[in-house]
N, C-alpha and C. Protein backbone atom coordinates (compact mmCIF):
# COMPACT_ATOMS: atom_id res chain seq x y z
N MET A 1 0.82 -1.55 -0.07
CA MET A 1 -0.33 -0.38 -0.31
C MET A 1 1.28 1.52 0.14
N GLY A 2 2.26 0.90 0.67
CA GLY A 2 2.89 1.92 0.87
C GLY A 2 3.35 2.92 -1.05
N SER A 3 3.74 2.16 -1.84
CA SER A 3 3.95 2.61 -2.97
C SER A 3 2.95 3.05 -3.87
N GLU A 4 1.22 2.71 -3.55
CA GLU A 4 0.01 2.74 -4.13
C GLU A 4 0.00 4.77 -3.20
N MET A 5 0.32 4.83 -2.40
CA MET A 5 0.14 6.44 -1.58
C MET A 5 0.93 7.01 -2.65
N CYS A 6 2.59 5.96 -2.72
CA CYS A 6 3.16 7.86 -2.96
C CYS A 6 2.92 8.02 -4.83
N ILE A 7 2.20 7.18 -5.63
CA ILE A 7 1.72 7.19 -7.08
C ILE A 7 0.90 8.20 -6.83
N ARG A 8 -0.27 7.80 -5.80
CA ARG A 8 -1.54 8.86 -5.53
C ARG A 8 -1.29 10.07 -4.83
N ASP A 9 0.00 10.55 -4.72
CA ASP A 9 0.35 11.48 -4.03
C ASP A 9 1.00 12.65 -5.23
N ARG A 10 1.31 11.51 -5.58
CA ARG A 10 2.18 12.04 -6.98
C ARG A 10 1.36 12.63 -8.26
N LYS A 11 0.65 11.89 -8.50
CA LYS A 11 -0.07 12.19 -9.17
C LYS A 11 -1.54 13.62 -8.44
N TYR A 12 -1.87 13.72 -7.60
CA TYR A 12 -2.47 14.48 -7.04
C TYR A 12 -1.42 15.88 -6.86
N ILE A 13 -0.30 15.51 -6.66
CA ILE A 13 0.67 17.18 -7.14
C ILE A 13 0.99 17.52 -8.25
N GLU A 14 0.72 16.20 -9.57
CA GLU A 14 1.17 16.97 -11.06
C GLU A 14 -0.04 17.78 -11.41
N GLY A 15 -1.59 17.08 -10.68
CA GLY A 15 -2.69 17.34 -10.78
C GLY A 15 -2.80 18.92 -10.66
N ALA A 16 -2.28 19.54 -9.27
CA ALA A 16 -1.95 20.32 -9.12
C ALA A 16 -1.20 21.84 -9.27
N LYS A 17 -0.06 21.00 -10.28
CA LYS A 17 1.06 21.43 -10.94
C LYS A 17 0.01 22.02 -12.51
N ALA A 18 -0.40 20.92 -12.59
CA ALA A 18 -0.67 21.32 -14.16
C ALA A 18 -2.13 22.38 -14.10
N LEU A 19 -3.04 22.68 -12.57
CA LEU A 19 -4.10 23.34 -12.26
C LEU A 19 -3.45 25.10 -12.49
N ILE A 20 -2.34 25.20 -11.63
CA ILE A 20 -1.57 26.32 -11.31
C ILE A 20 -0.97 27.09 -12.64
N SER A 21 -0.88 25.89 -13.66
CA SER A 21 -0.60 26.67 -14.74
C SER A 21 -1.31 26.84 -16.16
N GLU A 22 -2.46 26.14 -16.10
CA GLU A 22 -3.65 26.10 -16.57
C GLU A 22 -4.42 27.61 -16.85
N LYS A 23 -4.40 27.52 -15.60
CA LYS A 23 -5.46 29.11 -14.93
C LYS A 23 -4.68 30.43 -14.89
N GLY A 24 -3.26 29.56 -15.13
CA GLY A 24 -2.46 30.63 -14.84
C GLY A 24 -2.10 31.41 -13.59
N LEU A 25 -2.48 30.79 -12.35
CA LEU A 25 -1.66 31.25 -11.45
C LEU A 25 -0.56 31.72 -10.85
N ASP A 26 -0.34 31.89 -9.75
CA ASP A 26 0.34 32.56 -9.30
C ASP A 26 1.28 31.20 -8.13
N GLY A 27 0.57 30.06 -7.74
CA GLY A 27 0.91 29.19 -7.02
C GLY A 27 -0.53 28.72 -6.49
N GLY A 28 -0.44 27.56 -5.73
CA GLY A 28 -1.64 26.81 -4.79
C GLY A 28 -1.26 26.83 -3.70
N VAL A 29 -2.07 26.23 -2.72
CA VAL A 29 -1.63 25.38 -1.36
C VAL A 29 -2.84 24.87 -1.01
N SER A 30 -1.81 23.71 -0.43
CA SER A 30 -2.89 22.65 -0.10
C SER A 30 -2.71 21.61 0.99
N GLY A 31 -3.31 21.15 1.67
CA GLY A 31 -3.40 19.42 2.71
C GLY A 31 -3.76 18.51 2.45
N HIS A 32 -4.18 18.22 1.40
CA HIS A 32 -4.47 17.08 0.87
C HIS A 32 -3.74 15.82 1.22
N THR A 33 -2.69 16.22 0.93
CA THR A 33 -1.52 14.73 0.75
C THR A 33 -0.89 14.68 2.24
N HIS A 34 -1.27 15.34 2.38
CA HIS A 34 -0.53 15.46 3.81
C HIS A 34 1.18 15.18 4.13
N ILE A 35 2.03 15.84 2.95
CA ILE A 35 2.96 15.73 2.57
C ILE A 35 3.31 16.97 2.55
N PRO A 36 4.16 17.57 3.72
CA PRO A 36 4.89 18.69 3.27
C PRO A 36 5.25 19.33 1.80
N ALA A 37 5.16 20.81 1.38
CA ALA A 37 5.96 20.52 0.21
C ALA A 37 5.92 22.03 -0.23
N ASN A 38 7.14 22.45 -0.74
CA ASN A 38 7.31 24.15 -0.73
C ASN A 38 8.32 23.60 -2.25
N LYS A 39 7.50 23.77 -3.65
CA LYS A 39 8.01 23.34 -4.71
C LYS A 39 7.89 24.73 -5.58
N THR A 40 8.63 25.08 -6.49
CA THR A 40 8.58 25.94 -7.30
C THR A 40 8.69 25.58 -9.03
N TYR A 41 7.56 25.51 -9.58
CA TYR A 41 8.12 24.73 -10.60
C TYR A 41 7.61 25.72 -11.87
N GLY A 42 8.33 25.16 -13.54
CA GLY A 42 8.02 25.90 -14.14
C GLY A 42 8.89 27.10 -14.65
N SER A 43 7.81 28.41 -14.48
CA SER A 43 7.97 29.98 -14.61
C SER A 43 7.65 30.68 -13.30
N GLY A 44 8.17 29.92 -12.28
CA GLY A 44 8.00 30.37 -10.76
C GLY A 44 7.09 29.88 -9.84
N GLU A 45 5.68 29.32 -10.61
CA GLU A 45 4.57 28.55 -9.82
C GLU A 45 5.22 27.77 -8.69
N HIS A 46 4.08 28.56 -7.12
CA HIS A 46 4.40 27.85 -6.23
C HIS A 46 3.52 26.78 -5.77
N TYR A 47 3.89 25.46 -5.22
CA TYR A 47 3.12 24.86 -4.41
C TYR A 47 3.35 24.29 -3.12
N LEU A 48 2.32 24.78 -2.42
CA LEU A 48 3.01 24.78 -0.51
C LEU A 48 2.08 23.71 -0.17
N ASN A 49 2.12 22.90 0.83
CA ASN A 49 1.47 21.95 1.70
C ASN A 49 2.03 21.90 2.83
N VAL A 50 1.24 22.16 3.95
CA VAL A 50 1.19 21.93 5.30
C VAL A 50 1.93 20.78 6.03
N GLY A 51 1.44 20.11 5.31
CA GLY A 51 1.42 18.82 5.80
C GLY A 51 -0.06 18.34 6.43
N PHE A 52 0.52 17.33 7.43
CA PHE A 52 -0.68 17.00 8.69
C PHE A 52 -0.18 17.65 9.42
N PRO A 53 -1.51 18.39 9.77
CA PRO A 53 -0.79 19.22 11.40
C PRO A 53 -0.33 18.98 12.50
N VAL A 54 -1.89 17.86 12.95
CA VAL A 54 -1.29 16.92 14.29
C VAL A 54 0.48 16.43 14.22
N LYS A 55 0.75 16.45 13.26
CA LYS A 55 2.38 15.40 12.74
C LYS A 55 2.72 16.58 12.34
N HIS A 56 2.67 17.47 11.74
CA HIS A 56 3.93 18.29 11.18
C HIS A 56 4.27 19.81 12.07
N LYS A 57 2.81 19.58 12.75
CA LYS A 57 2.69 21.34 13.43
C LYS A 57 3.13 22.57 13.30
N GLN A 58 2.51 22.96 11.13
CA GLN A 58 2.80 23.93 10.95
C GLN A 58 1.97 24.27 10.33
N PHE A 59 1.64 25.60 10.25
CA PHE A 59 0.71 26.34 9.09
C PHE A 59 1.29 27.77 8.62
N LEU A 60 0.69 27.85 7.44
CA LEU A 60 1.02 28.97 6.50
C LEU A 60 0.31 30.22 7.02
N ALA A 61 1.49 31.51 6.60
CA ALA A 61 0.73 32.86 7.59
C ALA A 61 0.96 33.52 5.87
N PHE A 62 -0.01 34.16 5.84
CA PHE A 62 0.11 35.02 4.46
C PHE A 62 0.11 36.99 4.74
N GLU A 63 1.05 37.63 4.38
CA GLU A 63 0.42 38.98 4.84
C GLU A 63 1.77 39.22 3.44
N ASN A 64 0.90 40.36 2.58
CA ASN A 64 1.46 41.35 1.89
C ASN A 64 2.01 40.35 0.59
N GLU A 65 1.63 39.49 0.73
CA GLU A 65 1.94 38.59 -0.57
C GLU A 65 3.08 37.97 -0.60
N GLN A 66 3.15 37.64 0.93
CA GLN A 66 4.45 36.48 1.16
C GLN A 66 4.29 35.82 2.36
N TYR A 67 4.64 34.49 2.07
CA TYR A 67 4.41 33.52 2.63
C TYR A 67 5.36 33.01 3.80
N GLU A 68 4.96 32.52 5.21
CA GLU A 68 5.90 31.82 5.95
C GLU A 68 5.09 30.75 6.18
N PHE A 69 6.23 30.02 6.92
CA PHE A 69 5.63 28.19 7.73
C PHE A 69 5.66 28.58 8.82
N LEU A 70 4.80 28.70 9.59
CA LEU A 70 5.05 29.03 11.01
C LEU A 70 5.04 27.66 12.11
N CYS A 71 5.77 27.13 13.14
CA CYS A 71 5.58 26.95 13.89
C CYS A 71 4.28 26.86 15.09
N ILE A 72 3.54 25.46 14.88
CA ILE A 72 2.37 25.67 15.88
C ILE A 72 2.84 25.47 17.18
N GLU A 73 3.32 24.83 17.75
CA GLU A 73 4.35 24.44 19.00
C GLU A 73 4.81 26.32 20.14
């Protein structure tokens, strides 16, 4: 089952990446896969994922078009 999870997660991330590009967005924020990510693609689009809050203890804060991963603890 572990390898299936990896395939599913990769498909989700690739889908998010395609949607960001297709819609002409600067980036996207997700929590679906529960895997922390801060990735830049293509011409600078960002994919952010805080992971699973109970486990990774972080969240994203946005201010003035800037973001920062902050620790909950």
